Structures are given as C-alpha cells and as structure tokens.
C-alpha cells in the first residue's frame, strides 16, 4: 500500500482537503476515517458537525492512498490504526531520490 503524510488544509462538507505536497490537494472523506473508539457505523450529521474534533486545519496526518482521481488528485483513508493524526515528533521533507525502496517506511 502507498501512504502519504500531509497537513489538513480545509474542512468541507463530509471531507477534509489535505496538502500532501503534490501537484493537487488530496481528499479525505469522513466515511474513510476511524471514529474514536474504533466504532464501525454509518456516519451521521452529528459526526459531520464533530469533524474538527477528529482533524482540524493544520493537523499533520498519515494516510493510505485509496484511489487516484482522473485529474490526478488522491483519495485517502485512515481506516487502519497505524494511520491518523501525528501528534509527536516532527516532519522531515526528503527528496524522493534519497529514500530507499522498502516494503514499509514506518519507524518507531
């Protein structure tokens, strides 16, 4: 799976716009995130009102690429516990040529 990190840029109707440092902004739908407590259910209007509680503008997140839209923008999801808001540490931008190809790039 391909994953991206990015910063929440804007909150819209049932979606977050994420700056993933690519040509176009990426989209993270409300239906593509884990709700607090890992509850699996349909998203309600109440969830839509609470979107800033999950991710707010400026939050740094890690997400998996779900699909690629025709215009080149990405559809993201954070349905796994290893994805979501990054709360500790710092983000380091590295040119792609310096990244060794590996099955996973997560570090603890």
N, C-alpha and C. Protein backbone atom coordinates (compact mmCIF):
# COMPACT_ATOMS: atom_id res chain seq x y z
N UNK A 1 0.82 -1.21 0.00
CA UNK A 1 0.00 0.00 0.00
C UNK A 1 0.85 1.26 0.00
N UNK A 2 0.39 2.24 -0.70
CA UNK A 2 1.08 3.53 -0.78
C UNK A 2 0.50 4.45 0.28
N UNK A 3 1.35 5.10 1.05
CA UNK A 3 0.83 6.03 2.05
C UNK A 3 1.43 7.40 1.84
N UNK A 4 0.72 8.40 2.34
CA UNK A 4 1.16 9.79 2.25
C UNK A 4 0.98 10.46 3.59
N UNK A 5 1.80 11.42 3.86
CA UNK A 5 1.55 12.29 5.01
C UNK A 5 1.20 13.66 4.44
N UNK A 6 0.48 14.41 5.21
CA UNK A 6 0.07 15.73 4.74
C UNK A 6 -0.51 16.54 5.88
N UNK A 7 -0.86 17.76 5.54
CA UNK A 7 -1.41 18.68 6.52
C UNK A 7 -2.84 19.04 6.12
N UNK A 8 -3.75 19.00 7.09
CA UNK A 8 -5.14 19.36 6.83
C UNK A 8 -5.19 20.83 6.44
N UNK A 9 -5.76 21.09 5.28
CA UNK A 9 -5.77 22.44 4.73
C UNK A 9 -7.13 23.10 4.90
N UNK A 10 -8.19 22.30 4.75
CA UNK A 10 -9.53 22.88 4.77
C UNK A 10 -10.54 21.79 5.15
N UNK A 11 -11.61 22.19 5.83
CA UNK A 11 -12.67 21.26 6.18
C UNK A 11 -13.90 21.64 5.38
N UNK A 12 -14.45 20.65 4.64
CA UNK A 12 -15.63 20.89 3.82
C UNK A 12 -16.76 19.98 4.23
N UNK A 13 -17.73 19.84 3.36
CA UNK A 13 -18.88 19.01 3.65
C UNK A 13 -18.49 17.53 3.56
N UNK A 14 -18.41 16.86 4.70
CA UNK A 14 -18.06 15.44 4.82
C UNK A 14 -16.68 15.10 4.28
N UNK A 15 -15.78 16.08 4.21
CA UNK A 15 -14.43 15.82 3.69
C UNK A 15 -13.42 16.82 4.22
N UNK A 16 -12.18 16.38 4.25
CA UNK A 16 -11.06 17.25 4.55
C UNK A 16 -10.23 17.39 3.29
N UNK A 17 -9.73 18.57 3.04
CA UNK A 17 -8.79 18.79 1.95
C UNK A 17 -7.40 18.73 2.58
N UNK A 18 -6.51 17.89 2.02
CA UNK A 18 -5.20 17.64 2.62
C UNK A 18 -4.11 18.05 1.64
N UNK A 19 -3.16 18.85 2.13
CA UNK A 19 -1.99 19.20 1.33
C UNK A 19 -0.97 18.08 1.51
N UNK A 20 -0.82 17.24 0.47
CA UNK A 20 0.11 16.11 0.53
C UNK A 20 1.40 16.42 -0.23
N UNK A 21 1.67 17.70 -0.42
CA UNK A 21 2.90 18.14 -1.07
C UNK A 21 3.00 17.60 -2.50
N UNK A 22 1.85 17.45 -3.14
CA UNK A 22 1.82 17.04 -4.54
C UNK A 22 1.15 18.16 -5.35
N UNK A 23 1.03 17.94 -6.63
CA UNK A 23 0.51 18.97 -7.53
C UNK A 23 -0.89 19.43 -7.14
N UNK A 24 -1.76 18.50 -6.77
CA UNK A 24 -3.13 18.81 -6.39
C UNK A 24 -3.38 18.39 -4.94
N UNK A 25 -4.35 19.04 -4.30
CA UNK A 25 -4.72 18.65 -2.94
C UNK A 25 -5.38 17.28 -2.95
N UNK A 26 -5.27 16.56 -1.85
CA UNK A 26 -5.88 15.24 -1.70
C UNK A 26 -7.16 15.38 -0.88
N UNK A 27 -8.02 14.37 -0.99
CA UNK A 27 -9.30 14.38 -0.30
C UNK A 27 -9.36 13.22 0.69
N UNK A 28 -9.79 13.52 1.92
CA UNK A 28 -10.03 12.51 2.95
C UNK A 28 -11.49 12.63 3.34
N UNK A 29 -12.29 11.62 2.97
CA UNK A 29 -13.72 11.66 3.24
C UNK A 29 -13.99 11.27 4.70
N UNK A 30 -15.06 11.82 5.27
CA UNK A 30 -15.47 11.47 6.63
C UNK A 30 -15.72 9.97 6.75
N UNK A 31 -16.25 9.36 5.71
CA UNK A 31 -16.53 7.92 5.74
C UNK A 31 -15.26 7.08 5.67
N UNK A 32 -14.11 7.71 5.43
CA UNK A 32 -12.84 7.00 5.29
C UNK A 32 -11.94 7.11 6.51
N UNK A 33 -12.51 7.53 7.65
CA UNK A 33 -11.70 7.64 8.87
C UNK A 33 -12.29 6.74 9.95
N UNK A 34 -11.44 6.31 10.88
CA UNK A 34 -11.90 5.58 12.06
C UNK A 34 -12.48 6.57 13.05
N UNK A 35 -13.66 6.27 13.54
CA UNK A 35 -14.25 7.12 14.58
C UNK A 35 -13.59 6.79 15.92
N UNK A 36 -13.60 7.75 16.86
CA UNK A 36 -12.99 7.48 18.17
C UNK A 36 -13.59 6.22 18.80
N UNK A 37 -12.74 5.41 19.37
CA UNK A 37 -13.18 4.16 19.97
C UNK A 37 -13.28 3.02 18.98
N UNK A 38 -12.95 3.27 17.72
CA UNK A 38 -12.98 2.22 16.70
C UNK A 38 -14.38 1.75 16.35
N UNK A 39 -15.39 2.57 16.60
CA UNK A 39 -16.78 2.20 16.32
C UNK A 39 -17.00 2.13 14.82
N UNK A 40 -17.59 1.03 14.36
CA UNK A 40 -17.93 0.88 12.95
C UNK A 40 -19.42 1.11 12.77
N UNK A 41 -19.80 2.23 12.16
CA UNK A 41 -21.20 2.54 11.91
C UNK A 41 -21.28 3.59 10.82
N UNK A 42 -22.49 3.82 10.34
CA UNK A 42 -22.70 4.86 9.33
C UNK A 42 -22.41 6.23 9.95
N UNK A 43 -21.87 7.12 9.15
CA UNK A 43 -21.58 8.47 9.65
C UNK A 43 -22.87 9.28 9.66
N UNK A 44 -23.06 10.04 10.73
CA UNK A 44 -24.30 10.80 10.90
C UNK A 44 -24.02 12.29 10.74
N UNK A 45 -25.09 13.08 10.77
CA UNK A 45 -24.95 14.53 10.73
C UNK A 45 -24.17 15.03 11.95
N UNK A 46 -24.32 14.34 13.07
CA UNK A 46 -23.58 14.69 14.29
C UNK A 46 -22.07 14.50 14.07
N UNK A 47 -21.70 13.42 13.37
CA UNK A 47 -20.28 13.20 13.05
C UNK A 47 -19.75 14.33 12.17
N UNK A 48 -20.58 14.79 11.24
CA UNK A 48 -20.17 15.87 10.34
C UNK A 48 -19.91 17.15 11.14
N UNK A 49 -20.73 17.40 12.16
CA UNK A 49 -20.54 18.59 13.00
C UNK A 49 -19.29 18.46 13.87
N UNK A 50 -18.87 17.24 14.16
CA UNK A 50 -17.72 16.99 15.03
C UNK A 50 -16.41 16.81 14.26
N UNK A 51 -16.40 17.10 12.96
CA UNK A 51 -15.22 16.83 12.14
C UNK A 51 -13.96 17.52 12.66
N UNK A 52 -14.10 18.73 13.21
CA UNK A 52 -12.92 19.43 13.73
C UNK A 52 -12.36 18.75 14.98
N UNK A 53 -13.17 17.92 15.63
CA UNK A 53 -12.68 17.16 16.78
C UNK A 53 -11.73 16.05 16.32
N UNK A 54 -11.96 15.50 15.13
CA UNK A 54 -11.12 14.42 14.59
C UNK A 54 -9.84 15.01 14.01
N UNK A 55 -9.99 15.90 13.03
CA UNK A 55 -8.85 16.58 12.40
C UNK A 55 -9.20 18.05 12.21
N UNK A 56 -8.31 18.95 12.61
CA UNK A 56 -8.52 20.39 12.44
C UNK A 56 -7.51 20.93 11.43
N UNK A 57 -7.76 22.14 10.93
CA UNK A 57 -6.82 22.76 10.00
C UNK A 57 -5.44 22.83 10.64
N UNK A 58 -4.43 22.45 9.89
CA UNK A 58 -3.05 22.47 10.38
C UNK A 58 -2.56 21.17 10.98
N UNK A 59 -3.47 20.22 11.26
CA UNK A 59 -3.05 18.92 11.80
C UNK A 59 -2.23 18.15 10.76
N UNK A 60 -1.21 17.48 11.22
CA UNK A 60 -0.39 16.63 10.36
C UNK A 60 -0.91 15.21 10.46
N UNK A 61 -1.18 14.56 9.32
CA UNK A 61 -1.75 13.21 9.33
C UNK A 61 -0.93 12.27 8.45
N UNK A 62 -1.12 10.99 8.71
CA UNK A 62 -0.59 9.93 7.87
C UNK A 62 -1.80 9.15 7.36
N UNK A 63 -1.83 8.86 6.06
CA UNK A 63 -2.99 8.18 5.47
C UNK A 63 -2.54 7.27 4.34
N UNK A 64 -3.37 6.28 4.04
CA UNK A 64 -3.12 5.39 2.91
C UNK A 64 -3.84 5.92 1.68
N UNK A 65 -3.22 5.80 0.53
CA UNK A 65 -3.86 6.22 -0.72
C UNK A 65 -4.89 5.16 -1.10
N UNK A 66 -6.15 5.58 -1.18
CA UNK A 66 -7.23 4.66 -1.51
C UNK A 66 -7.40 4.55 -3.02
N UNK A 67 -7.37 5.70 -3.71
CA UNK A 67 -7.50 5.69 -5.17
C UNK A 67 -6.97 7.00 -5.73
N UNK A 68 -6.88 7.02 -7.04
CA UNK A 68 -6.40 8.18 -7.78
C UNK A 68 -7.54 8.68 -8.64
N UNK A 69 -7.89 9.96 -8.51
CA UNK A 69 -8.94 10.55 -9.34
C UNK A 69 -8.40 10.83 -10.74
N UNK A 70 -9.29 11.02 -11.68
CA UNK A 70 -8.91 11.28 -13.07
C UNK A 70 -8.06 12.52 -13.25
N UNK A 71 -8.26 13.53 -12.39
CA UNK A 71 -7.48 14.77 -12.51
C UNK A 71 -6.10 14.68 -11.86
N UNK A 72 -5.81 13.54 -11.20
CA UNK A 72 -4.51 13.34 -10.58
C UNK A 72 -4.50 13.55 -9.08
N UNK A 73 -5.60 13.99 -8.50
CA UNK A 73 -5.65 14.15 -7.04
C UNK A 73 -5.87 12.78 -6.39
N UNK A 74 -5.56 12.70 -5.11
CA UNK A 74 -5.61 11.43 -4.39
C UNK A 74 -6.81 11.36 -3.46
N UNK A 75 -7.37 10.17 -3.33
CA UNK A 75 -8.37 9.88 -2.32
C UNK A 75 -7.66 9.10 -1.22
N UNK A 76 -7.75 9.58 0.02
CA UNK A 76 -7.03 9.00 1.14
C UNK A 76 -7.98 8.31 2.11
N UNK A 77 -7.45 7.41 2.94
CA UNK A 77 -8.23 6.87 4.06
C UNK A 77 -7.32 6.57 5.23
N UNK A 78 -7.91 6.60 6.43
CA UNK A 78 -7.18 6.33 7.67
C UNK A 78 -7.92 5.25 8.44
N UNK A 79 -8.36 4.19 7.76
CA UNK A 79 -9.18 3.16 8.38
C UNK A 79 -8.36 2.15 9.19
N UNK A 80 -7.06 2.26 9.18
CA UNK A 80 -6.20 1.38 9.97
C UNK A 80 -5.68 2.16 11.17
N UNK A 81 -5.39 1.46 12.27
CA UNK A 81 -4.90 2.14 13.47
C UNK A 81 -3.51 2.73 13.29
N UNK A 82 -2.76 2.29 12.27
CA UNK A 82 -1.43 2.87 12.07
C UNK A 82 -1.47 4.21 11.35
N UNK A 83 -2.64 4.60 10.86
CA UNK A 83 -2.80 5.90 10.19
C UNK A 83 -3.61 6.83 11.07
N UNK A 84 -3.48 8.12 10.86
CA UNK A 84 -4.26 9.10 11.61
C UNK A 84 -3.43 10.33 11.91
N UNK A 85 -3.82 11.04 12.96
CA UNK A 85 -3.14 12.28 13.32
C UNK A 85 -1.77 11.97 13.92
N UNK A 86 -0.77 12.71 13.48
CA UNK A 86 0.58 12.59 14.02
C UNK A 86 0.72 13.63 15.12
N UNK A 87 0.92 13.17 16.34
CA UNK A 87 0.90 14.09 17.48
C UNK A 87 2.27 14.39 18.06
N UNK A 88 3.23 13.49 17.90
CA UNK A 88 4.55 13.71 18.48
C UNK A 88 5.58 13.70 17.36
N UNK A 89 6.68 14.37 17.60
CA UNK A 89 7.77 14.35 16.64
C UNK A 89 7.73 15.53 15.70
N UNK A 90 8.45 15.40 14.60
CA UNK A 90 8.48 16.46 13.60
C UNK A 90 8.48 15.83 12.22
N UNK A 91 8.08 16.62 11.25
CA UNK A 91 8.04 16.12 9.88
C UNK A 91 9.31 16.57 9.16
N UNK A 92 9.90 15.65 8.45
CA UNK A 92 11.11 15.94 7.70
C UNK A 92 10.82 15.69 6.23
N UNK A 93 11.02 16.69 5.38
CA UNK A 93 10.82 16.55 3.94
C UNK A 93 12.14 16.10 3.32
N UNK A 94 12.10 15.01 2.57
CA UNK A 94 13.29 14.43 1.97
C UNK A 94 13.05 14.25 0.48
N UNK A 95 14.00 14.61 -0.36
CA UNK A 95 13.82 14.37 -1.80
C UNK A 95 13.63 12.87 -2.07
N UNK A 96 12.70 12.51 -2.95
CA UNK A 96 12.42 11.09 -3.22
C UNK A 96 13.65 10.27 -3.61
N UNK A 97 14.62 10.89 -4.26
CA UNK A 97 15.81 10.16 -4.69
C UNK A 97 16.62 9.64 -3.51
N UNK A 98 16.45 10.21 -2.33
CA UNK A 98 17.21 9.80 -1.15
C UNK A 98 16.52 8.72 -0.33
N UNK A 99 15.29 8.33 -0.72
CA UNK A 99 14.53 7.34 0.04
C UNK A 99 14.75 5.96 -0.55
N UNK A 100 15.27 5.03 0.26
CA UNK A 100 15.48 3.66 -0.20
C UNK A 100 14.13 2.97 -0.35
N UNK A 101 13.98 2.17 -1.38
CA UNK A 101 12.73 1.44 -1.59
C UNK A 101 12.64 0.30 -0.58
N UNK A 102 11.53 0.30 0.17
CA UNK A 102 11.28 -0.72 1.17
C UNK A 102 9.80 -1.06 1.16
N UNK A 103 9.49 -2.18 1.79
CA UNK A 103 8.09 -2.58 1.88
C UNK A 103 7.31 -1.60 2.76
N UNK A 104 7.92 -1.13 3.83
CA UNK A 104 7.27 -0.15 4.70
C UNK A 104 8.29 0.90 5.10
N UNK A 105 7.80 2.13 5.33
CA UNK A 105 8.67 3.22 5.73
C UNK A 105 8.28 3.77 7.10
N UNK A 106 7.58 3.00 7.91
CA UNK A 106 7.22 3.44 9.24
C UNK A 106 8.37 3.15 10.20
N UNK A 107 8.63 4.10 11.09
CA UNK A 107 9.67 3.93 12.10
C UNK A 107 9.08 4.25 13.46
N UNK A 108 9.51 3.51 14.47
CA UNK A 108 9.05 3.76 15.84
C UNK A 108 10.10 4.49 16.63
